[in-house]
Amino acid sequence: MTITIRAIAVEDLRAITVLADQLGYTMSEPQMLENMQAVIGHADCDAFVAVHENQVVGWIGLVHRIQLESSPFCEINGLVVDEKYRGKGIGAALVEKAKEWTNKKGCGRLRLRTNVKRVDAHRFYSGLGFTELKEQKVFEIAV
């Protein structure tokens, strides 16, 4: 199977939206387009797609984080491979692209967060050499 990794483009909107839904994040196409354009236009964010036979079969979102309480790091803020294509090395190829992007940012650390319920994802990331640092709770308030 031949996979090409490239930067996302607005033409990927439909595929990105469908895959986000598989990840559990249902979003309208207009909102997804707004999000994609913000990522594409931001120096500290990026996203890449995995393409097989001219079809987007996965994507990864990245952000370079600078915080007061820690050294700068890069973070995977979304990764999904179409359920029909999982287990074929596509996720690992997207993570390799994330590592390259992290190095280009001059950062020595790549992080990610994953829902405690995603046991298969935990095994996947551990298998790629990621180390679990901590568990968290996420809080939100409408303002």
Protein backbone atom coordinates (compact mmCIF):
# COMPACT_ATOMS: atom_id res chain seq x y z
CA MET A 1 0.00 0.00 0.00
CA THR A 2 1.42 3.35 -1.05
CA ILE A 3 0.73 6.24 1.33
CA THR A 4 1.69 9.86 0.72
CA ILE A 5 1.82 12.36 3.59
CA ARG A 6 1.18 15.99 2.69
CA ALA A 7 -0.05 19.22 4.27
CA ILE A 8 -3.82 19.57 4.56
CA ALA A 9 -5.65 21.72 2.04
CA VAL A 10 -9.15 23.17 2.06
CA GLU A 11 -10.03 20.64 -0.65
CA ASP A 12 -9.71 17.96 2.05
CA LEU A 13 -12.63 19.44 4.00
CA ARG A 14 -15.15 16.64 3.48
CA ALA A 15 -12.68 13.84 4.26
CA ILE A 16 -11.30 15.65 7.33
CA THR A 17 -14.85 16.17 8.64
CA VAL A 18 -15.80 12.51 8.12
CA LEU A 19 -12.64 11.31 9.84
CA ALA A 20 -13.13 13.71 12.75
CA ASP A 21 -16.56 12.13 13.21
CA GLN A 22 -14.90 8.68 13.38
CA LEU A 23 -12.69 10.10 16.11
CA GLY A 24 -15.82 11.16 18.01
CA TYR A 25 -15.85 14.87 17.14
CA THR A 26 -18.91 15.67 15.05
CA MET A 27 -18.59 19.08 13.45
CA SER A 28 -20.32 20.93 10.64
CA GLU A 29 -18.33 21.47 7.46
CA PRO A 30 -18.46 25.27 7.81
CA GLN A 31 -16.99 25.04 11.33
CA MET A 32 -14.37 22.53 10.17
CA LEU A 33 -13.43 24.83 7.29
CA GLU A 34 -12.99 27.72 9.73
CA ASN A 35 -10.79 25.52 11.95
CA MET A 36 -8.74 24.27 9.01
CA GLN A 37 -8.12 27.80 7.73
CA ALA A 38 -7.02 28.90 11.20
CA VAL A 39 -4.56 25.99 11.41
CA ILE A 40 -3.25 26.56 7.89
CA GLY A 41 -2.69 30.24 8.64
CA HIS A 42 -1.02 29.82 12.04
CA ALA A 43 2.77 29.58 12.37
CA ASP A 44 2.60 27.35 15.46
CA CYS A 45 -0.02 24.90 14.12
CA ASP A 46 -0.05 22.47 11.24
CA ALA A 47 -1.90 19.43 9.97
CA PHE A 48 -1.09 16.68 7.52
CA VAL A 49 -3.11 14.06 5.68
CA ALA A 50 -2.30 10.53 4.65
CA VAL A 51 -3.42 9.85 1.08
CA HIS A 52 -3.93 6.48 -0.60
CA GLU A 53 -5.02 6.37 -4.25
CA ASN A 54 -6.08 10.05 -4.15
CA GLN A 55 -8.23 9.46 -1.06
CA VAL A 56 -7.54 11.00 2.36
CA VAL A 57 -7.37 8.05 4.76
CA GLY A 58 -6.00 9.81 7.86
CA TRP A 59 -4.91 13.09 9.36
CA ILE A 60 -2.84 14.50 12.18
CA GLY A 61 -3.00 17.93 13.81
CA LEU A 62 -0.02 19.52 15.54
CA VAL A 63 0.70 22.52 17.71
CA HIS A 64 3.90 24.04 19.08
CA ARG A 65 3.21 24.99 22.69
CA ILE A 66 5.03 27.59 24.74
CA GLN A 67 3.87 27.73 28.35
CA LEU A 68 5.13 29.41 31.48
CA GLU A 69 5.40 26.25 33.53
CA SER A 70 7.34 24.02 31.13
CA SER A 71 9.88 24.00 28.35
CA PRO A 72 8.41 24.35 24.84
CA PHE A 73 7.05 21.17 23.31
CA CYS A 74 5.02 20.07 20.33
CA GLU A 75 1.76 18.23 20.72
CA ILE A 76 -0.38 15.99 18.56
CA ASN A 77 -3.83 17.43 19.07
CA GLY A 78 -5.65 15.02 16.80
CA LEU A 79 -4.84 11.82 14.94
CA VAL A 80 -7.24 9.56 13.11
CA VAL A 81 -6.97 6.88 10.46
CA ASP A 82 -10.06 5.71 8.59
CA GLU A 83 -11.36 2.62 10.34
CA LYS A 84 -11.06 0.65 7.05
CA TYR A 85 -7.32 1.40 6.91
CA ARG A 86 -6.21 0.92 10.51
CA GLY A 87 -3.37 -1.46 11.31
CA LYS A 88 -1.54 -0.74 8.05
CA GLY A 89 1.15 1.65 9.35
CA ILE A 90 -0.65 4.86 8.38
CA GLY A 91 -0.87 6.18 11.94
CA ALA A 92 2.82 5.45 12.47
CA ALA A 93 3.66 7.32 9.24
CA LEU A 94 1.66 10.33 10.43
CA VAL A 95 3.48 10.24 13.79
CA GLU A 96 6.82 10.16 11.94
CA LYS A 97 5.73 13.29 10.07
CA ALA A 98 4.88 14.84 13.46
CA LYS A 99 8.38 14.01 14.71
CA GLU A 100 9.92 15.72 11.66
CA TRP A 101 7.73 18.78 12.23
CA THR A 102 8.73 18.83 15.90
CA ASN A 103 12.41 18.77 14.97
CA LYS A 104 11.90 21.62 12.47
CA LYS A 105 10.36 23.65 15.30
CA GLY A 106 13.56 23.09 17.30
CA CYS A 107 11.67 21.16 19.92
CA GLY A 108 12.95 17.96 21.44
CA ARG A 109 9.62 16.74 22.80
CA LEU A 110 6.41 15.53 21.19
CA ARG A 111 3.37 14.98 23.40
CA LEU A 112 -0.21 13.91 22.97
CA ARG A 113 -3.31 13.42 25.05
CA THR A 114 -5.75 10.58 24.60
CA ASN A 115 -9.03 9.72 26.25
CA VAL A 116 -8.68 7.13 29.02
CA LYS A 117 -11.28 5.01 27.18
CA ARG A 118 -9.11 4.66 24.06
CA VAL A 119 -7.22 1.54 25.14
CA ASP A 120 -6.24 0.63 21.56
CA ALA A 121 -4.76 4.11 21.10
CA HIS A 122 -2.77 3.71 24.33
CA ARG A 123 -1.24 0.48 22.99
CA PHE A 124 -0.55 2.14 19.64
CA TYR A 125 1.30 5.09 21.18
CA SER A 126 3.21 2.92 23.65
CA GLY A 127 4.27 0.72 20.74
CA LEU A 128 5.72 3.80 19.03
CA GLY A 129 7.82 4.63 22.09
CA PHE A 130 5.64 7.21 23.82
CA THR A 131 5.74 7.10 27.63
CA GLU A 132 2.69 7.82 29.75
CA LEU A 133 3.35 10.82 31.99
CA LYS A 134 0.08 11.35 33.86
CA GLU A 135 -3.71 11.14 33.81
CA GLN A 136 -5.80 14.29 33.74
CA LYS A 137 -9.34 15.53 33.97
CA VAL A 138 -10.55 18.18 31.55
CA PHE A 139 -12.85 20.93 32.77
CA GLU A 140 -14.79 23.42 30.67
CA ILE A 141 -17.16 26.30 31.28
CA ALA A 142 -19.30 28.18 28.82
CA VAL A 143 -18.53 31.92 28.90
